[in-house]
């Protein structure tokens, strides 16, 4: 057995948050138009710091799953039929980041 095959791959915290939020959108737990909790609540929910939350929110906004409006909050934008395509796109973007 190759020794490299035993390595455990790591994921950045922000990538794990993104995966969780995409799953919540895909499952319908978060629906289009829903407002995400504020940063401090997300920090507590995921047990991470503000920078990890901001990185995740920025990436989800970049791929179009959420919109961020200062003073109004962060809202889910996409319908469920697009979530699968978006999450596949996200998976392709993160290939190689697990090293």
PDB file of N, CA and C in Angstrom:
ATOM      1  N   UNK A   1       0.851  -1.174   0.000  1.00  0.00           N
ATOM      2  CA  UNK A   1       0.000   0.000   0.000  1.00  0.00           C
ATOM      3  C   UNK A   1       0.894   1.232   0.000  1.00  0.00           C
ATOM      4  N   UNK A   2       0.564   2.200  -0.811  1.00  0.00           N
ATOM      5  CA  UNK A   2       1.337   3.432  -0.862  1.00  0.00           C
ATOM      6  C   UNK A   2       1.129   4.245   0.406  1.00  0.00           C
ATOM      7  N   UNK A   3       2.188   4.802   0.886  1.00  0.00           N
ATOM      8  CA  UNK A   3       2.113   5.603   2.105  1.00  0.00           C
ATOM      9  C   UNK A   3       1.272   6.864   1.893  1.00  0.00           C
ATOM     10  N   UNK A   4       1.317   7.463   0.719  1.00  0.00           N
ATOM     11  CA  UNK A   4       0.546   8.677   0.436  1.00  0.00           C
ATOM     12  C   UNK A   4      -0.951   8.451   0.514  1.00  0.00           C
ATOM     13  N   UNK A   5      -1.397   7.226   0.279  1.00  0.00           N
ATOM     14  CA  UNK A   5      -2.835   6.962   0.294  1.00  0.00           C
ATOM     15  C   UNK A   5      -3.418   7.015   1.702  1.00  0.00           C
ATOM     16  N   UNK A   6      -2.563   7.031   2.715  1.00  0.00           N
ATOM     17  CA  UNK A   6      -3.029   7.069   4.094  1.00  0.00           C
ATOM     18  C   UNK A   6      -3.168   8.489   4.636  1.00  0.00           C
ATOM     19  N   UNK A   7      -2.774   9.472   3.868  1.00  0.00           N
ATOM     20  CA  UNK A   7      -2.818  10.852   4.338  1.00  0.00           C
ATOM     21  C   UNK A   7      -4.257  11.331   4.480  1.00  0.00           C
ATOM     22  N   UNK A   8      -4.497  12.036   5.538  1.00  0.00           N
ATOM     23  CA  UNK A   8      -5.809  12.636   5.767  1.00  0.00           C
ATOM     24  C   UNK A   8      -5.786  14.027   5.165  1.00  0.00           C
ATOM     25  N   UNK A   9      -6.783  14.317   4.357  1.00  0.00           N
ATOM     26  CA  UNK A   9      -6.832  15.630   3.730  1.00  0.00           C
ATOM     27  C   UNK A   9      -7.494  16.630   4.663  1.00  0.00           C
ATOM     28  N   UNK A  10      -6.943  17.812   4.686  1.00  0.00           N
ATOM     29  CA  UNK A  10      -7.490  18.884   5.510  1.00  0.00           C
ATOM     30  C   UNK A  10      -8.242  19.866   4.636  1.00  0.00           C
ATOM     31  N   UNK A  11      -9.234  20.475   5.222  1.00  0.00           N
ATOM     32  CA  UNK A  11      -9.983  21.526   4.543  1.00  0.00           C
ATOM     33  C   UNK A  11      -9.894  22.783   5.382  1.00  0.00           C
ATOM     34  N   UNK A  12      -9.805  23.910   4.705  1.00  0.00           N
ATOM     35  CA  UNK A  12      -9.831  25.176   5.431  1.00  0.00           C
ATOM     36  C   UNK A  12     -11.182  25.318   6.122  1.00  0.00           C
ATOM     37  N   UNK A  13     -11.197  26.026   7.229  1.00  0.00           N
ATOM     38  CA  UNK A  13     -12.441  26.234   7.963  1.00  0.00           C
ATOM     39  C   UNK A  13     -13.487  26.906   7.090  1.00  0.00           C
ATOM     40  N   UNK A  14     -13.069  27.897   6.315  1.00  0.00           N
ATOM     41  CA  UNK A  14     -14.033  28.600   5.466  1.00  0.00           C
ATOM     42  C   UNK A  14     -14.651  27.656   4.440  1.00  0.00           C
ATOM     43  N   UNK A  15     -13.868  26.716   3.916  1.00  0.00           N
ATOM     44  CA  UNK A  15     -14.408  25.742   2.962  1.00  0.00           C
ATOM     45  C   UNK A  15     -15.440  24.835   3.629  1.00  0.00           C
ATOM     46  N   UNK A  16     -15.190  24.465   4.881  1.00  0.00           N
ATOM     47  CA  UNK A  16     -16.146  23.632   5.609  1.00  0.00           C
ATOM     48  C   UNK A  16     -17.450  24.390   5.862  1.00  0.00           C
ATOM     49  N   UNK A  17     -17.336  25.674   6.164  1.00  0.00           N
ATOM     50  CA  UNK A  17     -18.524  26.510   6.375  1.00  0.00           C
ATOM     51  C   UNK A  17     -19.313  26.616   5.079  1.00  0.00           C
ATOM     52  N   UNK A  18     -18.608  26.831   3.985  1.00  0.00           N
ATOM     53  CA  UNK A  18     -19.257  26.916   2.672  1.00  0.00           C
ATOM     54  C   UNK A  18     -20.006  25.627   2.378  1.00  0.00           C
ATOM     55  N   UNK A  19     -19.348  24.494   2.582  1.00  0.00           N
ATOM     56  CA  UNK A  19     -19.997  23.201   2.341  1.00  0.00           C
ATOM     57  C   UNK A  19     -21.272  23.061   3.171  1.00  0.00           C
ATOM     58  N   UNK A  20     -21.199  23.461   4.438  1.00  0.00           N
ATOM     59  CA  UNK A  20     -22.374  23.373   5.315  1.00  0.00           C
ATOM     60  C   UNK A  20     -23.496  24.284   4.843  1.00  0.00           C
ATOM     61  N   UNK A  21     -23.174  25.516   4.489  1.00  0.00           N
ATOM     62  CA  UNK A  21     -24.214  26.447   4.050  1.00  0.00           C
ATOM     63  C   UNK A  21     -24.827  26.016   2.717  1.00  0.00           C
ATOM     64  N   UNK A  22     -24.004  25.500   1.800  1.00  0.00           N
ATOM     65  CA  UNK A  22     -24.540  24.988   0.531  1.00  0.00           C
ATOM     66  C   UNK A  22     -25.488  23.827   0.805  1.00  0.00           C
ATOM     67  N   UNK A  23     -25.121  22.942   1.726  1.00  0.00           N
ATOM     68  CA  UNK A  23     -25.999  21.820   2.081  1.00  0.00           C
ATOM     69  C   UNK A  23     -27.313  22.311   2.669  1.00  0.00           C
ATOM     70  N   UNK A  24     -27.244  23.351   3.503  1.00  0.00           N
ATOM     71  CA  UNK A  24     -28.456  23.907   4.105  1.00  0.00           C
ATOM     72  C   UNK A  24     -29.371  24.517   3.044  1.00  0.00           C
ATOM     73  N   UNK A  25     -28.779  25.138   2.033  1.00  0.00           N
ATOM     74  CA  UNK A  25     -29.571  25.713   0.942  1.00  0.00           C
ATOM     75  C   UNK A  25     -30.163  24.596   0.092  1.00  0.00           C
ATOM     76  N   UNK A  26     -29.334  23.603  -0.251  1.00  0.00           N
ATOM     77  CA  UNK A  26     -29.795  22.502  -1.101  1.00  0.00           C
ATOM     78  C   UNK A  26     -30.904  21.693  -0.436  1.00  0.00           C
ATOM     79  N   UNK A  27     -30.841  21.547   0.890  1.00  0.00           N
ATOM     80  CA  UNK A  27     -31.844  20.754   1.603  1.00  0.00           C
ATOM     81  C   UNK A  27     -33.137  21.521   1.850  1.00  0.00           C
ATOM     82  N   UNK A  28     -33.094  22.829   1.644  1.00  0.00           N
ATOM     83  CA  UNK A  28     -34.284  23.641   1.889  1.00  0.00           C
ATOM     84  C   UNK A  28     -34.336  24.224   3.284  1.00  0.00           C
ATOM     85  N   UNK A  29     -33.336  23.910   4.099  1.00  0.00           N
ATOM     86  CA  UNK A  29     -33.275  24.498   5.435  1.00  0.00           C
ATOM     87  C   UNK A  29     -33.139  26.024   5.335  1.00  0.00           C
ATOM     88  N   UNK A  30     -32.365  26.467   4.339  1.00  0.00           N
ATOM     89  CA  UNK A  30     -32.295  27.889   3.989  1.00  0.00           C
ATOM     90  C   UNK A  30     -32.926  28.040   2.614  1.00  0.00           C
ATOM     91  N   UNK A  31     -33.935  28.863   2.516  1.00  0.00           N
ATOM     92  CA  UNK A  31     -34.680  29.039   1.264  1.00  0.00           C
ATOM     93  C   UNK A  31     -34.341  30.383   0.624  1.00  0.00           C
ATOM     94  N   UNK A  32     -34.588  30.511  -0.692  1.00  0.00           N
ATOM     95  CA  UNK A  32     -34.365  31.801  -1.341  1.00  0.00           C
ATOM     96  C   UNK A  32     -35.097  32.912  -0.592  1.00  0.00           C
ATOM     97  N   UNK A  33     -34.380  33.995  -0.330  1.00  0.00           N
ATOM     98  CA  UNK A  33     -34.950  35.118   0.400  1.00  0.00           C
ATOM     99  C   UNK A  33     -34.688  35.078   1.891  1.00  0.00           C
ATOM    100  N   UNK A  34     -34.331  33.899   2.424  1.00  0.00           N
ATOM    101  CA  UNK A  34     -34.040  33.797   3.856  1.00  0.00           C
ATOM    102  C   UNK A  34     -32.814  34.635   4.211  1.00  0.00           C
ATOM    103  N   UNK A  35     -32.873  35.220   5.394  1.00  0.00           N
ATOM    104  CA  UNK A  35     -31.754  35.998   5.908  1.00  0.00           C
ATOM    105  C   UNK A  35     -30.872  35.091   6.756  1.00  0.00           C
ATOM    106  N   UNK A  36     -29.574  35.114   6.481  1.00  0.00           N
ATOM    107  CA  UNK A  36     -28.632  34.358   7.295  1.00  0.00           C
ATOM    108  C   UNK A  36     -28.449  35.060   8.633  1.00  0.00           C
ATOM    109  N   UNK A  37     -28.095  34.312   9.659  1.00  0.00           N
ATOM    110  CA  UNK A  37     -27.828  34.935  10.957  1.00  0.00           C
ATOM    111  C   UNK A  37     -26.661  35.923  10.843  1.00  0.00           C
ATOM    112  N   UNK A  38     -26.584  36.882  11.757  1.00  0.00           N
ATOM    113  CA  UNK A  38     -25.453  37.820  11.743  1.00  0.00           C
ATOM    114  C   UNK A  38     -24.130  37.099  12.031  1.00  0.00           C
ATOM    115  N   UNK A  39     -23.024  37.755  11.663  1.00  0.00           N
ATOM    116  CA  UNK A  39     -21.700  37.147  11.826  1.00  0.00           C
ATOM    117  C   UNK A  39     -21.449  36.563  13.218  1.00  0.00           C
ATOM    118  N   UNK A  40     -21.729  37.310  14.295  1.00  0.00           N
ATOM    119  CA  UNK A  40     -21.447  36.736  15.624  1.00  0.00           C
ATOM    120  C   UNK A  40     -22.197  35.424  15.882  1.00  0.00           C
ATOM    121  N   UNK A  41     -23.413  35.337  15.389  1.00  0.00           N
ATOM    122  CA  UNK A  41     -24.188  34.108  15.570  1.00  0.00           C
ATOM    123  C   UNK A  41     -23.607  32.970  14.734  1.00  0.00           C
ATOM    124  N   UNK A  42     -23.191  33.271  13.495  1.00  0.00           N
ATOM    125  CA  UNK A  42     -22.552  32.252  12.654  1.00  0.00           C
ATOM    126  C   UNK A  42     -21.231  31.796  13.279  1.00  0.00           C
ATOM    127  N   UNK A  43     -20.487  32.748  13.861  1.00  0.00           N
ATOM    128  CA  UNK A  43     -19.230  32.402  14.528  1.00  0.00           C
ATOM    129  C   UNK A  43     -19.475  31.405  15.652  1.00  0.00           C
ATOM    130  N   UNK A  44     -20.505  31.646  16.422  1.00  0.00           N
ATOM    131  CA  UNK A  44     -20.835  30.745  17.531  1.00  0.00           C
ATOM    132  C   UNK A  44     -21.352  29.404  17.010  1.00  0.00           C
ATOM    133  N   UNK A  45     -22.211  29.460  16.000  1.00  0.00           N
ATOM    134  CA  UNK A  45     -22.804  28.237  15.438  1.00  0.00           C
ATOM    135  C   UNK A  45     -21.731  27.297  14.894  1.00  0.00           C
ATOM    136  N   UNK A  46     -20.741  27.863  14.179  1.00  0.00           N
ATOM    137  CA  UNK A  46     -19.710  27.035  13.557  1.00  0.00           C
ATOM    138  C   UNK A  46     -18.457  26.890  14.424  1.00  0.00           C
ATOM    139  N   UNK A  47     -18.372  27.668  15.495  1.00  0.00           N
ATOM    140  CA  UNK A  47     -17.211  27.583  16.375  1.00  0.00           C
ATOM    141  C   UNK A  47     -15.930  28.073  15.730  1.00  0.00           C
ATOM    142  N   UNK A  48     -16.039  29.145  14.940  1.00  0.00           N
ATOM    143  CA  UNK A  48     -14.887  29.686  14.218  1.00  0.00           C
ATOM    144  C   UNK A  48     -14.806  31.193  14.439  1.00  0.00           C
ATOM    145  N   UNK A  49     -13.729  31.786  13.948  1.00  0.00           N
ATOM    146  CA  UNK A  49     -13.532  33.225  14.056  1.00  0.00           C
ATOM    147  C   UNK A  49     -14.199  33.990  12.921  1.00  0.00           C
ATOM    148  N   UNK A  50     -14.195  35.306  13.076  1.00  0.00           N
ATOM    149  CA  UNK A  50     -14.839  36.192  12.104  1.00  0.00           C
ATOM    150  C   UNK A  50     -14.227  36.065  10.703  1.00  0.00           C
ATOM    151  N   UNK A  51     -12.905  35.913  10.602  1.00  0.00           N
ATOM    152  CA  UNK A  51     -12.279  35.852   9.280  1.00  0.00           C
ATOM    153  C   UNK A  51     -12.752  34.633   8.485  1.00  0.00           C
ATOM    154  N   UNK A  52     -12.947  33.502   9.149  1.00  0.00           N
ATOM    155  CA  UNK A  52     -13.442  32.302   8.451  1.00  0.00           C
ATOM    156  C   UNK A  52     -14.863  32.518   7.941  1.00  0.00           C
ATOM    157  N   UNK A  53     -15.698  33.166   8.755  1.00  0.00           N
ATOM    158  CA  UNK A  53     -17.074  33.464   8.333  1.00  0.00           C
ATOM    159  C   UNK A  53     -17.055  34.416   7.152  1.00  0.00           C
ATOM    160  N   UNK A  54     -16.240  35.450   7.225  1.00  0.00           N
ATOM    161  CA  UNK A  54     -16.184  36.434   6.136  1.00  0.00           C
ATOM    162  C   UNK A  54     -15.671  35.820   4.843  1.00  0.00           C
ATOM    163  N   UNK A  55     -14.681  34.934   4.938  1.00  0.00           N
ATOM    164  CA  UNK A  55     -14.186  34.252   3.741  1.00  0.00           C
ATOM    165  C   UNK A  55     -15.284  33.403   3.113  1.00  0.00           C
ATOM    166  N   UNK A  56     -16.018  32.684   3.937  1.00  0.00           N
ATOM    167  CA  UNK A  56     -17.093  31.827   3.434  1.00  0.00           C
ATOM    168  C   UNK A  56     -18.202  32.659   2.799  1.00  0.00           C
ATOM    169  N   UNK A  57     -18.618  33.724   3.472  1.00  0.00           N
ATOM    170  CA  UNK A  57     -19.672  34.589   2.945  1.00  0.00           C
ATOM    171  C   UNK A  57     -19.224  35.213   1.628  1.00  0.00           C
ATOM    172  N   UNK A  58     -17.975  35.659   1.572  1.00  0.00           N
ATOM    173  CA  UNK A  58     -17.445  36.249   0.342  1.00  0.00           C
ATOM    174  C   UNK A  58     -17.463  35.271  -0.821  1.00  0.00           C
ATOM    175  N   UNK A  59     -17.082  34.026  -0.559  1.00  0.00           N
ATOM    176  CA  UNK A  59     -17.071  33.007  -1.615  1.00  0.00           C
ATOM    177  C   UNK A  59     -18.488  32.688  -2.080  1.00  0.00           C
ATOM    178  N   UNK A  60     -19.428  32.563  -1.135  1.00  0.00           N
ATOM    179  CA  UNK A  60     -20.818  32.266  -1.510  1.00  0.00           C
ATOM    180  C   UNK A  60     -21.439  33.427  -2.283  1.00  0.00           C
ATOM    181  N   UNK A  61     -21.046  34.643  -1.944  1.00  0.00           N
ATOM    182  CA  UNK A  61     -21.530  35.796  -2.698  1.00  0.00           C
ATOM    183  C   UNK A  61     -20.928  35.790  -4.102  1.00  0.00           C
ATOM    184  N   UNK A  62     -19.660  35.436  -4.202  1.00  0.00           N
ATOM    185  CA  UNK A  62     -18.967  35.390  -5.485  1.00  0.00           C
ATOM    186  C   UNK A  62     -19.619  34.398  -6.450  1.00  0.00           C
ATOM    187  N   UNK A  63     -20.054  33.247  -5.939  1.00  0.00           N
ATOM    188  CA  UNK A  63     -20.692  32.263  -6.823  1.00  0.00           C
ATOM    189  C   UNK A  63     -22.193  32.497  -6.964  1.00  0.00           C
ATOM    190  N   UNK A  64     -22.700  33.529  -6.290  1.00  0.00           N
ATOM    191  CA  UNK A  64     -24.079  33.942  -6.513  1.00  0.00           C
ATOM    192  C   UNK A  64     -25.141  33.267  -5.673  1.00  0.00           C
ATOM    193  N   UNK A  65     -24.751  32.580  -4.610  1.00  0.00           N
ATOM    194  CA  UNK A  65     -25.750  31.914  -3.774  1.00  0.00           C
ATOM    195  C   UNK A  65     -26.358  32.842  -2.732  1.00  0.00           C
ATOM    196  N   UNK A  66     -25.635  33.894  -2.385  1.00  0.00           N
ATOM    197  CA  UNK A  66     -26.142  34.854  -1.407  1.00  0.00           C
ATOM    198  C   UNK A  66     -25.827  36.272  -1.862  1.00  0.00           C
ATOM    199  N   UNK A  67     -26.542  37.228  -1.286  1.00  0.00           N
ATOM    200  CA  UNK A  67     -26.211  38.640  -1.482  1.00  0.00           C
ATOM    201  C   UNK A  67     -25.985  39.261  -0.113  1.00  0.00           C
ATOM    202  N   UNK A  68     -25.038  40.169  -0.067  1.00  0.00           N
ATOM    203  CA  UNK A  68     -24.720  40.870   1.171  1.00  0.00           C
ATOM    204  C   UNK A  68     -25.023  42.344   0.954  1.00  0.00           C
ATOM    205  N   UNK A  69     -25.918  42.871   1.784  1.00  0.00           N
ATOM    206  CA  UNK A  69     -26.261  44.293   1.717  1.00  0.00           C
ATOM    207  C   UNK A  69     -26.021  44.903   3.090  1.00  0.00           C
ATOM    208  N   UNK A  70     -24.978  45.732   3.208  1.00  0.00           N
ATOM    209  CA  UNK A  70     -24.697  46.351   4.505  1.00  0.00           C
ATOM    210  C   UNK A  70     -25.937  47.053   5.064  1.00  0.00           C
ATOM    211  N   UNK A  71     -26.216  46.777   6.308  1.00  0.00           N
ATOM    212  CA  UNK A  71     -27.380  47.362   6.961  1.00  0.00           C
ATOM    213  C   UNK A  71     -28.657  46.569   6.758  1.00  0.00           C
ATOM    214  N   UNK A  72     -28.647  45.619   5.813  1.00  0.00           N
ATOM    215  CA  UNK A  72     -29.834  44.804   5.536  1.00  0.00           C
ATOM    216  C   UNK A  72     -29.598  43.322   5.771  1.00  0.00           C
ATOM    217  N   UNK A  73     -28.342  42.915   5.834  1.00  0.00           N
ATOM    218  CA  UNK A  73     -28.031  41.523   6.105  1.00  0.00           C
ATOM    219  C   UNK A  73     -27.632  40.733   4.873  1.00  0.00           C
ATOM    220  N   UNK A  74     -27.501  39.447   5.083  1.00  0.00           N
ATOM    221  CA  UNK A  74     -27.086  38.505   4.049  1.00  0.00           C
ATOM    222  C   UNK A  74     -28.255  37.580   3.757  1.00  0.00           C
ATOM    223  N   UNK A  75     -28.619  37.489   2.472  1.00  0.00           N
ATOM    224  CA  UNK A  75     -29.800  36.721   2.074  1.00  0.00           C
ATOM    225  C   UNK A  75     -29.455  35.671   1.023  1.00  0.00           C
ATOM    226  N   UNK A  76     -30.173  34.556   1.062  1.00  0.00           N
ATOM    227  CA  UNK A  76     -30.051  33.500   0.056  1.00  0.00           C
ATOM    228  C   UNK A  76     -30.699  34.008  -1.227  1.00  0.00           C
ATOM    229  N   UNK A  77     -30.019  33.848  -2.356  1.00  0.00           N
ATOM    230  CA  UNK A  77     -30.540  34.372  -3.614  1.00  0.00           C
ATOM    231  C   UNK A  77     -31.028  33.323  -4.592  1.00  0.00           C
ATOM    232  N   UNK A  78     -30.374  32.181  -4.656  1.00  0.00           N
ATOM    233  CA  UNK A  78     -30.670  31.215  -5.716  1.00  0.00           C
ATOM    234  C   UNK A  78     -31.821  30.290  -5.377  1.00  0.00           C
ATOM    235  N   UNK A  79     -32.466  29.822  -6.441  1.00  0.00           N
ATOM    236  CA  UNK A  79     -33.473  28.780  -6.261  1.00  0.00           C
ATOM    237  C   UNK A  79     -32.754  27.435  -6.199  1.00  0.00           C
ATOM    238  N   UNK A  80     -33.421  26.429  -5.684  1.00  0.00           N
ATOM    239  CA  UNK A  80     -32.801  25.126  -5.470  1.00  0.00           C
ATOM    240  C   UNK A  80     -32.290  24.468  -6.745  1.00  0.00           C
ATOM    241  N   UNK A  81     -32.908  24.739  -7.883  1.00  0.00           N
ATOM    242  CA  UNK A  81     -32.461  24.082  -9.109  1.00  0.00           C
ATOM    243  C   UNK A  81     -31.074  24.542  -9.535  1.00  0.00           C
ATOM    244  N   UNK A  82     -30.617  25.684  -9.037  1.00  0.00           N
ATOM    245  CA  UNK A  82     -29.283  26.164  -9.380  1.00  0.00           C
ATOM    246  C   UNK A  82     -28.240  25.765  -8.345  1.00  0.00           C
ATOM    247  N   UNK A  83     -28.675  25.371  -7.183  1.00  0.00           N
ATOM    248  CA  UNK A  83     -27.739  25.080  -6.101  1.00  0.00           C
ATOM    249  C   UNK A  83     -26.801  23.944  -6.470  1.00  0.00           C
ATOM    250  N   UNK A  84     -27.323  22.899  -7.084  1.00  0.00           N
ATOM    251  CA  UNK A  84     -26.473  21.765  -7.433  1.00  0.00           C
ATOM    252  C   UNK A  84     -25.375  22.199  -8.396  1.00  0.00           C
ATOM    253  N   UNK A  85     -25.722  22.956  -9.412  1.00  0.00           N
ATOM    254  CA  UNK A  85     -24.723  23.426 -10.366  1.00  0.00           C
ATOM    255  C   UNK A  85     -23.702  24.332  -9.683  1.00  0.00           C
ATOM    256  N   UNK A  86     -24.173  25.196  -8.802  1.00  0.00           N
ATOM    257  CA  UNK A  86     -23.272  26.099  -8.089  1.00  0.00           C
ATOM    258  C   UNK A  86     -22.333  25.319  -7.176  1.00  0.00           C
ATOM    259  N   UNK A  87     -22.864  24.312  -6.479  1.00  0.00           N
ATOM    260  CA  UNK A  87     -22.017  23.554  -5.559  1.00  0.00           C
ATOM    261  C   UNK A  87     -20.998  22.719  -6.326  1.00  0.00           C
ATOM    262  N   UNK A  88     -21.361  22.240  -7.505  1.00  0.00           N
ATOM    263  CA  UNK A  88     -20.393  21.531  -8.346  1.00  0.00           C
ATOM    264  C   UNK A  88     -19.298  22.499  -8.766  1.00  0.00           C
ATOM    265  N   UNK A  89     -19.701  23.699  -9.138  1.00  0.00           N
ATOM    266  CA  UNK A  89     -18.718  24.730  -9.488  1.00  0.00           C
ATOM    267  C   UNK A  89     -17.804  25.032  -8.320  1.00  0.00           C
ATOM    268  N   UNK A  90     -18.374  25.113  -7.122  1.00  0.00           N
ATOM    269  CA  UNK A  90     -17.563  25.357  -5.930  1.00  0.00           C
ATOM    270  C   UNK A  90     -16.585  24.214  -5.717  1.00  0.00           C
ATOM    271  N   UNK A  91     -17.032  22.985  -5.899  1.00  0.00           N
ATOM    272  CA  UNK A  91     -16.148  21.833  -5.727  1.00  0.00           C
ATOM    273  C   UNK A  91     -14.974  21.909  -6.688  1.00  0.00           C
ATOM    274  N   UNK A  92     -15.244  22.315  -7.920  1.00  0.00           N
ATOM    275  CA  UNK A  92     -14.169  22.436  -8.901  1.00  0.00           C
ATOM    276  C   UNK A  92     -13.186  23.533  -8.515  1.00  0.00           C
ATOM    277  N   UNK A  93     -13.688  24.628  -7.951  1.00  0.00           N
ATOM    278  CA  UNK A  93     -12.815  25.723  -7.528  1.00  0.00           C
ATOM    279  C   UNK A  93     -11.899  25.321  -6.383  1.00  0.00           C
ATOM    280  N   UNK A  94     -12.344  24.414  -5.541  1.00  0.00           N
ATOM    281  CA  UNK A  94     -11.564  24.058  -4.351  1.00  0.00           C
ATOM    282  C   UNK A  94     -10.670  22.843  -4.550  1.00  0.00           C
ATOM    283  N   UNK A  95     -10.663  22.255  -5.731  1.00  0.00           N
ATOM    284  CA  UNK A  95      -9.784  21.113  -5.982  1.00  0.00           C
ATOM    285  C   UNK A  95      -8.343  21.559  -5.777  1.00  0.00           C
ATOM    286  N   UNK A  96      -7.639  20.810  -4.978  1.00  0.00           N
ATOM    287  CA  UNK A  96      -6.243  21.129  -4.716  1.00  0.00           C
ATOM    288  C   UNK A  96      -6.030  22.002  -3.497  1.00  0.00           C
ATOM    289  N   UNK A  97      -7.082  22.580  -2.941  1.00  0.00           N
ATOM    290  CA  UNK A  97      -6.932  23.407  -1.738  1.00  0.00           C
ATOM    291  C   UNK A  97      -6.856  22.561  -0.486  1.00  0.00           C
ATOM    292  N   UNK A  98      -7.128  21.279  -0.603  1.00  0.00           N
ATOM    293  CA  UNK A  98      -7.150  20.398   0.561  1.00  0.00           C
ATOM    294  C   UNK A  98      -5.755  19.913   0.950  1.00  0.00           C
ATOM    295  N   UNK A  99      -4.755  20.332   0.211  1.00  0.00           N
ATOM    296  CA  UNK A  99      -3.396  19.821   0.462  1.00  0.00           C
ATOM    297  C   UNK A  99      -2.710  20.591   1.552  1.00  0.00           C
TER     298      UNK A  99
END
